[in-house]
Amino acid sequence: MLKGSCLCNSVQYEIHGELGPIVMCHCSRCRKANGSAFATNAPVNAADFHLIHGQNALAEYQSSPGVFRVFCGKCGSPLYSRRPAMPELLRLRIGTLDTPIEGRPTAHIFVGSKAEWCEILDELPQYPERP
């Protein structure tokens, strides 16, 4: 089991399952939503994600058609994104995990639109968009 929370600890969750492949997304929407060069995300089965505390603190924003970014409405921590067209899957922002994980990033995606000031210095595969 994995546990996670937002910055102010108003939202707490557990994942009773595995993380999918961890990717670093460099698209402009992820950069703006996270205030950094990229977002580090992993898919999780929605059925494995359990909100333990903070349902009333959750807020969401439709950042593009059919994509909702869910965050803490108190501290602003990005938690996950969801797509109504894929209700079985969430894309977790793994920086909100409190439990150590063994998994490591597997790729960089949307590097075709990465920040010009960000250099990718690792040997992971790089994809101009989503592979």
N, C-alpha and C. Protein backbone atom coordinates (compact mmCIF):
# COMPACT_ATOMS: atom_id res chain seq x y z
N MET A 1 0.83 -1.18 0.00
CA MET A 1 0.00 0.00 0.00
C MET A 1 0.88 1.25 0.00
N LEU A 2 0.46 2.23 -0.77
CA LEU A 2 1.14 3.52 -0.82
C LEU A 2 0.25 4.58 -0.19
N LYS A 3 0.88 5.56 0.45
CA LYS A 3 0.14 6.67 1.05
C LYS A 3 0.67 7.97 0.47
N GLY A 4 -0.22 8.97 0.40
CA GLY A 4 0.19 10.27 -0.09
C GLY A 4 -0.70 11.36 0.48
N SER A 5 -0.28 12.61 0.25
CA SER A 5 -1.02 13.75 0.77
C SER A 5 -0.62 15.01 0.02
N CYS A 6 -1.39 16.06 0.27
CA CYS A 6 -1.06 17.37 -0.29
C CYS A 6 -0.11 18.10 0.66
N LEU A 7 0.33 19.27 0.27
CA LEU A 7 1.27 20.05 1.07
C LEU A 7 0.73 20.39 2.46
N CYS A 8 -0.53 20.76 2.56
CA CYS A 8 -1.10 21.16 3.85
C CYS A 8 -1.70 19.98 4.62
N ASN A 9 -1.65 18.80 4.03
CA ASN A 9 -2.14 17.56 4.64
C ASN A 9 -3.66 17.51 4.77
N SER A 10 -4.36 18.43 4.09
CA SER A 10 -5.83 18.39 4.11
C SER A 10 -6.35 17.19 3.33
N VAL A 11 -5.64 16.82 2.27
CA VAL A 11 -6.02 15.67 1.45
C VAL A 11 -5.04 14.54 1.72
N GLN A 12 -5.56 13.39 2.05
CA GLN A 12 -4.75 12.19 2.27
C GLN A 12 -5.36 11.05 1.49
N TYR A 13 -4.51 10.24 0.88
CA TYR A 13 -5.00 9.12 0.08
C TYR A 13 -4.14 7.89 0.28
N GLU A 14 -4.68 6.76 -0.14
CA GLU A 14 -3.96 5.49 -0.17
C GLU A 14 -4.16 4.86 -1.53
N ILE A 15 -3.16 4.12 -1.96
CA ILE A 15 -3.26 3.35 -3.20
C ILE A 15 -3.03 1.89 -2.83
N HIS A 16 -4.03 1.08 -3.08
CA HIS A 16 -3.97 -0.36 -2.79
C HIS A 16 -3.75 -1.08 -4.11
N GLY A 17 -2.59 -0.86 -4.69
CA GLY A 17 -2.24 -1.43 -5.99
C GLY A 17 -0.90 -0.91 -6.44
N GLU A 18 -0.59 -1.18 -7.68
CA GLU A 18 0.71 -0.82 -8.24
C GLU A 18 0.65 0.51 -9.01
N LEU A 19 1.77 1.19 -9.02
CA LEU A 19 1.93 2.33 -9.92
C LEU A 19 2.26 1.80 -11.30
N GLY A 20 1.77 2.47 -12.32
CA GLY A 20 2.18 2.14 -13.68
C GLY A 20 3.52 2.80 -13.98
N PRO A 21 3.93 2.78 -15.24
CA PRO A 21 5.23 3.37 -15.61
C PRO A 21 5.29 4.87 -15.27
N ILE A 22 6.36 5.25 -14.64
CA ILE A 22 6.57 6.64 -14.24
C ILE A 22 7.19 7.39 -15.43
N VAL A 23 6.56 8.51 -15.79
CA VAL A 23 7.09 9.33 -16.89
C VAL A 23 7.19 10.78 -16.45
N MET A 24 8.10 11.48 -17.07
CA MET A 24 8.25 12.91 -16.84
C MET A 24 7.67 13.63 -18.05
N CYS A 25 6.62 14.40 -17.82
CA CYS A 25 5.92 15.08 -18.91
C CYS A 25 6.37 16.53 -18.98
N HIS A 26 6.83 16.93 -20.16
CA HIS A 26 7.35 18.28 -20.38
C HIS A 26 6.37 19.18 -21.12
N CYS A 27 5.11 18.78 -21.27
CA CYS A 27 4.16 19.61 -22.01
C CYS A 27 3.92 20.92 -21.27
N SER A 28 3.48 21.93 -21.99
CA SER A 28 3.30 23.25 -21.39
C SER A 28 2.22 23.25 -20.31
N ARG A 29 1.18 22.43 -20.45
CA ARG A 29 0.14 22.39 -19.42
C ARG A 29 0.68 21.81 -18.12
N CYS A 30 1.49 20.74 -18.20
CA CYS A 30 2.08 20.18 -16.97
C CYS A 30 3.05 21.17 -16.34
N ARG A 31 3.82 21.87 -17.18
CA ARG A 31 4.75 22.87 -16.62
C ARG A 31 3.98 23.94 -15.85
N LYS A 32 2.91 24.46 -16.45
CA LYS A 32 2.14 25.51 -15.78
C LYS A 32 1.43 24.99 -14.54
N ALA A 33 0.88 23.78 -14.61
CA ALA A 33 0.14 23.22 -13.47
C ALA A 33 1.05 22.93 -12.28
N ASN A 34 2.33 22.64 -12.56
CA ASN A 34 3.26 22.28 -11.49
C ASN A 34 4.27 23.37 -11.18
N GLY A 35 4.36 24.39 -12.01
CA GLY A 35 5.30 25.47 -11.77
C GLY A 35 6.74 25.02 -11.86
N SER A 36 7.00 24.01 -12.68
CA SER A 36 8.36 23.47 -12.82
C SER A 36 8.58 23.01 -14.26
N ALA A 37 9.75 22.48 -14.52
CA ALA A 37 10.11 22.09 -15.89
C ALA A 37 9.31 20.91 -16.41
N PHE A 38 8.79 20.08 -15.52
CA PHE A 38 8.02 18.91 -15.94
C PHE A 38 7.22 18.38 -14.75
N ALA A 39 6.28 17.51 -15.05
CA ALA A 39 5.52 16.80 -14.02
C ALA A 39 5.93 15.33 -14.07
N THR A 40 6.04 14.71 -12.92
CA THR A 40 6.37 13.29 -12.86
C THR A 40 5.11 12.54 -12.45
N ASN A 41 4.62 11.73 -13.37
CA ASN A 41 3.31 11.10 -13.25
C ASN A 41 3.41 9.58 -13.40
N ALA A 42 2.45 8.90 -12.82
CA ALA A 42 2.31 7.46 -13.01
C ALA A 42 0.83 7.11 -13.04
N PRO A 43 0.42 6.27 -13.96
CA PRO A 43 -0.99 5.84 -13.95
C PRO A 43 -1.26 4.90 -12.79
N VAL A 44 -2.46 5.01 -12.23
CA VAL A 44 -2.93 4.09 -11.20
C VAL A 44 -4.37 3.72 -11.55
N ASN A 45 -4.76 2.53 -11.18
CA ASN A 45 -6.15 2.13 -11.36
C ASN A 45 -7.01 2.94 -10.41
N ALA A 46 -8.06 3.55 -10.94
CA ALA A 46 -8.94 4.37 -10.11
C ALA A 46 -9.53 3.57 -8.96
N ALA A 47 -9.79 2.28 -9.17
CA ALA A 47 -10.35 1.43 -8.12
C ALA A 47 -9.36 1.21 -6.98
N ASP A 48 -8.06 1.42 -7.24
CA ASP A 48 -7.02 1.25 -6.22
C ASP A 48 -6.76 2.52 -5.42
N PHE A 49 -7.30 3.65 -5.89
CA PHE A 49 -7.08 4.95 -5.25
C PHE A 49 -8.19 5.19 -4.24
N HIS A 50 -7.82 5.43 -2.98
CA HIS A 50 -8.80 5.64 -1.92
C HIS A 50 -8.50 6.94 -1.19
N LEU A 51 -9.44 7.87 -1.26
CA LEU A 51 -9.31 9.12 -0.53
C LEU A 51 -9.63 8.84 0.93
N ILE A 52 -8.68 9.10 1.81
CA ILE A 52 -8.83 8.84 3.24
C ILE A 52 -9.38 10.07 3.96
N HIS A 53 -8.98 11.23 3.49
CA HIS A 53 -9.39 12.48 4.15
C HIS A 53 -9.32 13.60 3.13
N GLY A 54 -10.27 14.53 3.21
CA GLY A 54 -10.17 15.74 2.42
C GLY A 54 -11.04 15.86 1.19
N GLN A 55 -12.08 15.08 1.08
CA GLN A 55 -12.97 15.18 -0.08
C GLN A 55 -13.41 16.62 -0.31
N ASN A 56 -13.74 17.33 0.75
CA ASN A 56 -14.20 18.72 0.63
C ASN A 56 -13.10 19.69 0.21
N ALA A 57 -11.84 19.29 0.36
CA ALA A 57 -10.73 20.16 -0.03
C ALA A 57 -10.38 20.01 -1.51
N LEU A 58 -10.86 18.95 -2.16
CA LEU A 58 -10.51 18.73 -3.57
C LEU A 58 -11.17 19.76 -4.48
N ALA A 59 -10.41 20.19 -5.46
CA ALA A 59 -10.91 21.06 -6.52
C ALA A 59 -10.37 20.50 -7.83
N GLU A 60 -10.99 20.89 -8.93
CA GLU A 60 -10.48 20.43 -10.21
C GLU A 60 -10.67 21.49 -11.27
N TYR A 61 -9.85 21.36 -12.31
CA TYR A 61 -9.85 22.31 -13.41
C TYR A 61 -9.74 21.53 -14.71
N GLN A 62 -10.60 21.84 -15.67
CA GLN A 62 -10.53 21.19 -16.98
C GLN A 62 -9.49 21.94 -17.81
N SER A 63 -8.28 21.36 -17.91
CA SER A 63 -7.16 22.04 -18.57
C SER A 63 -7.19 21.90 -20.08
N SER A 64 -7.86 20.90 -20.58
CA SER A 64 -8.09 20.72 -22.01
C SER A 64 -9.34 19.85 -22.13
N PRO A 65 -9.95 19.78 -23.29
CA PRO A 65 -11.19 19.01 -23.41
C PRO A 65 -11.02 17.57 -22.92
N GLY A 66 -11.82 17.21 -21.93
CA GLY A 66 -11.80 15.85 -21.42
C GLY A 66 -10.69 15.52 -20.44
N VAL A 67 -9.90 16.52 -20.00
CA VAL A 67 -8.83 16.29 -19.03
C VAL A 67 -9.04 17.22 -17.83
N PHE A 68 -9.22 16.61 -16.65
CA PHE A 68 -9.45 17.36 -15.43
C PHE A 68 -8.26 17.18 -14.50
N ARG A 69 -7.69 18.27 -14.04
CA ARG A 69 -6.58 18.24 -13.09
C ARG A 69 -7.18 18.45 -11.70
N VAL A 70 -6.88 17.52 -10.81
CA VAL A 70 -7.44 17.54 -9.45
C VAL A 70 -6.34 17.98 -8.49
N PHE A 71 -6.68 18.93 -7.62
CA PHE A 71 -5.69 19.51 -6.72
C PHE A 71 -6.34 19.86 -5.40
N CYS A 72 -5.52 20.15 -4.40
CA CYS A 72 -6.04 20.61 -3.11
C CYS A 72 -6.46 22.07 -3.26
N GLY A 73 -7.70 22.36 -2.93
CA GLY A 73 -8.21 23.72 -3.03
C GLY A 73 -7.68 24.64 -1.95
N LYS A 74 -7.03 24.09 -0.92
CA LYS A 74 -6.46 24.91 0.15
C LYS A 74 -5.02 25.31 -0.14
N CYS A 75 -4.17 24.32 -0.48
CA CYS A 75 -2.74 24.62 -0.68
C CYS A 75 -2.33 24.60 -2.15
N GLY A 76 -3.18 24.08 -3.03
CA GLY A 76 -2.88 24.08 -4.46
C GLY A 76 -2.08 22.90 -4.95
N SER A 77 -1.73 21.96 -4.09
CA SER A 77 -0.93 20.80 -4.54
C SER A 77 -1.64 20.02 -5.63
N PRO A 78 -0.99 19.82 -6.79
CA PRO A 78 -1.58 18.97 -7.83
C PRO A 78 -1.51 17.51 -7.37
N LEU A 79 -2.63 16.79 -7.47
CA LEU A 79 -2.69 15.43 -6.97
C LEU A 79 -2.76 14.38 -8.09
N TYR A 80 -3.69 14.57 -9.01
CA TYR A 80 -3.83 13.63 -10.12
C TYR A 80 -4.65 14.28 -11.22
N SER A 81 -4.67 13.64 -12.36
CA SER A 81 -5.59 14.06 -13.42
C SER A 81 -6.48 12.88 -13.75
N ARG A 82 -7.64 13.21 -14.30
CA ARG A 82 -8.60 12.18 -14.66
C ARG A 82 -9.24 12.54 -15.99
N ARG A 83 -9.70 11.51 -16.68
CA ARG A 83 -10.40 11.69 -17.94
C ARG A 83 -11.71 10.90 -17.87
N PRO A 84 -12.85 11.57 -18.00
CA PRO A 84 -14.11 10.84 -17.98
C PRO A 84 -14.18 9.74 -19.05
N ALA A 85 -13.47 9.90 -20.15
CA ALA A 85 -13.45 8.88 -21.19
C ALA A 85 -12.67 7.64 -20.76
N MET A 86 -11.86 7.76 -19.71
CA MET A 86 -11.07 6.64 -19.17
C MET A 86 -11.27 6.59 -17.65
N PRO A 87 -12.47 6.30 -17.18
CA PRO A 87 -12.75 6.39 -15.74
C PRO A 87 -11.98 5.38 -14.89
N GLU A 88 -11.42 4.38 -15.50
CA GLU A 88 -10.69 3.35 -14.75
C GLU A 88 -9.27 3.77 -14.39
N LEU A 89 -8.81 4.93 -14.88
CA LEU A 89 -7.41 5.32 -14.73
C LEU A 89 -7.28 6.74 -14.20
N LEU A 90 -6.33 6.93 -13.28
CA LEU A 90 -5.91 8.25 -12.82
C LEU A 90 -4.44 8.41 -13.13
N ARG A 91 -3.99 9.63 -13.35
CA ARG A 91 -2.56 9.90 -13.52
C ARG A 91 -2.09 10.64 -12.28
N LEU A 92 -1.43 9.91 -11.41
CA LEU A 92 -1.00 10.42 -10.11
C LEU A 92 0.26 11.27 -10.25
N ARG A 93 0.30 12.40 -9.55
CA ARG A 93 1.51 13.21 -9.44
C ARG A 93 2.31 12.58 -8.31
N ILE A 94 3.37 11.86 -8.66
CA ILE A 94 4.04 11.03 -7.66
C ILE A 94 4.81 11.84 -6.62
N GLY A 95 4.98 13.12 -6.84
CA GLY A 95 5.59 13.97 -5.82
C GLY A 95 4.73 14.10 -4.58
N THR A 96 3.47 13.70 -4.66
CA THR A 96 2.58 13.77 -3.49
C THR A 96 2.63 12.49 -2.66
N LEU A 97 3.39 11.49 -3.09
CA LEU A 97 3.50 10.26 -2.30
C LEU A 97 4.31 10.50 -1.04
N ASP A 98 3.87 9.91 0.05
CA ASP A 98 4.61 9.94 1.31
C ASP A 98 5.38 8.64 1.53
N THR A 99 4.97 7.60 0.88
CA THR A 99 5.59 6.29 0.99
C THR A 99 6.74 6.19 -0.01
N PRO A 100 7.92 5.74 0.40
CA PRO A 100 9.00 5.53 -0.57
C PRO A 100 8.59 4.48 -1.60
N ILE A 101 9.07 4.65 -2.82
CA ILE A 101 8.77 3.70 -3.88
C ILE A 101 10.07 3.18 -4.49
N GLU A 102 10.00 2.02 -5.09
CA GLU A 102 11.16 1.45 -5.77
C GLU A 102 11.21 1.85 -7.23
N GLY A 103 10.07 2.14 -7.83
CA GLY A 103 10.01 2.49 -9.24
C GLY A 103 10.78 3.76 -9.55
N ARG A 104 11.26 3.84 -10.76
CA ARG A 104 12.00 5.02 -11.23
C ARG A 104 11.41 5.47 -12.57
N PRO A 105 11.61 6.72 -12.95
CA PRO A 105 11.10 7.18 -14.24
C PRO A 105 11.60 6.32 -15.39
N THR A 106 10.72 6.17 -16.38
CA THR A 106 11.04 5.32 -17.54
C THR A 106 11.24 6.11 -18.82
N ALA A 107 10.75 7.37 -18.88
CA ALA A 107 10.85 8.14 -20.12
C ALA A 107 10.51 9.60 -19.87
N HIS A 108 10.88 10.42 -20.84
CA HIS A 108 10.47 11.82 -20.92
C HIS A 108 9.49 11.91 -22.09
N ILE A 109 8.33 12.54 -21.85
CA ILE A 109 7.37 12.70 -22.93
C ILE A 109 7.10 14.18 -23.20
N PHE A 110 6.63 14.47 -24.39
CA PHE A 110 6.36 15.83 -24.85
C PHE A 110 7.60 16.71 -24.78
N VAL A 111 8.77 16.14 -25.08
CA VAL A 111 9.99 16.94 -25.07
C VAL A 111 10.03 17.91 -26.25
N GLY A 112 9.15 17.71 -27.24
CA GLY A 112 9.05 18.65 -28.35
C GLY A 112 8.60 20.02 -27.91
N SER A 113 7.98 20.09 -26.72
CA SER A 113 7.53 21.39 -26.20
C SER A 113 8.12 21.69 -24.83
N LYS A 114 9.26 21.07 -24.51
CA LYS A 114 9.87 21.28 -23.20
C LYS A 114 10.37 22.73 -23.07
N ALA A 115 10.56 23.14 -21.83
CA ALA A 115 11.10 24.48 -21.55
C ALA A 115 12.51 24.58 -22.15
N GLU A 116 12.79 25.68 -22.82
CA GLU A 116 14.09 25.86 -23.47
C GLU A 116 15.23 25.92 -22.46
N TRP A 117 14.94 26.23 -21.22
CA TRP A 117 15.97 26.35 -20.19
C TRP A 117 16.23 25.03 -19.46
N CYS A 118 15.51 23.99 -19.82
CA CYS A 118 15.66 22.69 -19.16
C CYS A 118 16.50 21.75 -20.03
N GLU A 119 17.57 21.25 -19.48
CA GLU A 119 18.39 20.25 -20.16
C GLU A 119 18.08 18.87 -19.58
N ILE A 120 17.85 17.92 -20.45
CA ILE A 120 17.64 16.54 -20.01
C ILE A 120 19.00 15.86 -20.07
N LEU A 121 19.49 15.45 -18.92
CA LEU A 121 20.86 14.93 -18.84
C LEU A 121 20.94 13.43 -18.55
N ASP A 122 19.79 12.76 -18.48
CA ASP A 122 19.83 11.32 -18.23
C ASP A 122 19.73 10.56 -19.56
N GLU A 123 19.77 9.27 -19.48
CA GLU A 123 19.77 8.42 -20.68
C GLU A 123 18.40 7.82 -20.97
N LEU A 124 17.36 8.29 -20.31
CA LEU A 124 16.02 7.75 -20.54
C LEU A 124 15.54 8.10 -21.94
N PRO A 125 14.66 7.27 -22.51
CA PRO A 125 14.08 7.60 -23.82
C PRO A 125 13.35 8.93 -23.78
N GLN A 126 13.42 9.65 -24.88
CA GLN A 126 12.74 10.93 -25.02
C GLN A 126 11.79 10.86 -26.22
N TYR A 127 10.56 11.32 -26.03
CA TYR A 127 9.57 11.28 -27.08
C TYR A 127 9.04 12.69 -27.32
N PRO A 128 8.92 13.13 -28.59
CA PRO A 128 8.45 14.48 -28.88
C PRO A 128 7.03 14.71 -28.38
N GLU A 129 6.22 13.64 -28.35
CA GLU A 129 4.85 13.70 -27.82
C GLU A 129 4.64 12.46 -26.96
N ARG A 130 3.39 12.01 -26.84
CA ARG A 130 3.12 10.78 -26.09
C ARG A 130 3.43 9.61 -27.01
N PRO A 131 4.23 8.64 -26.54
CA PRO A 131 4.57 7.51 -27.43
C PRO A 131 3.36 6.63 -27.73
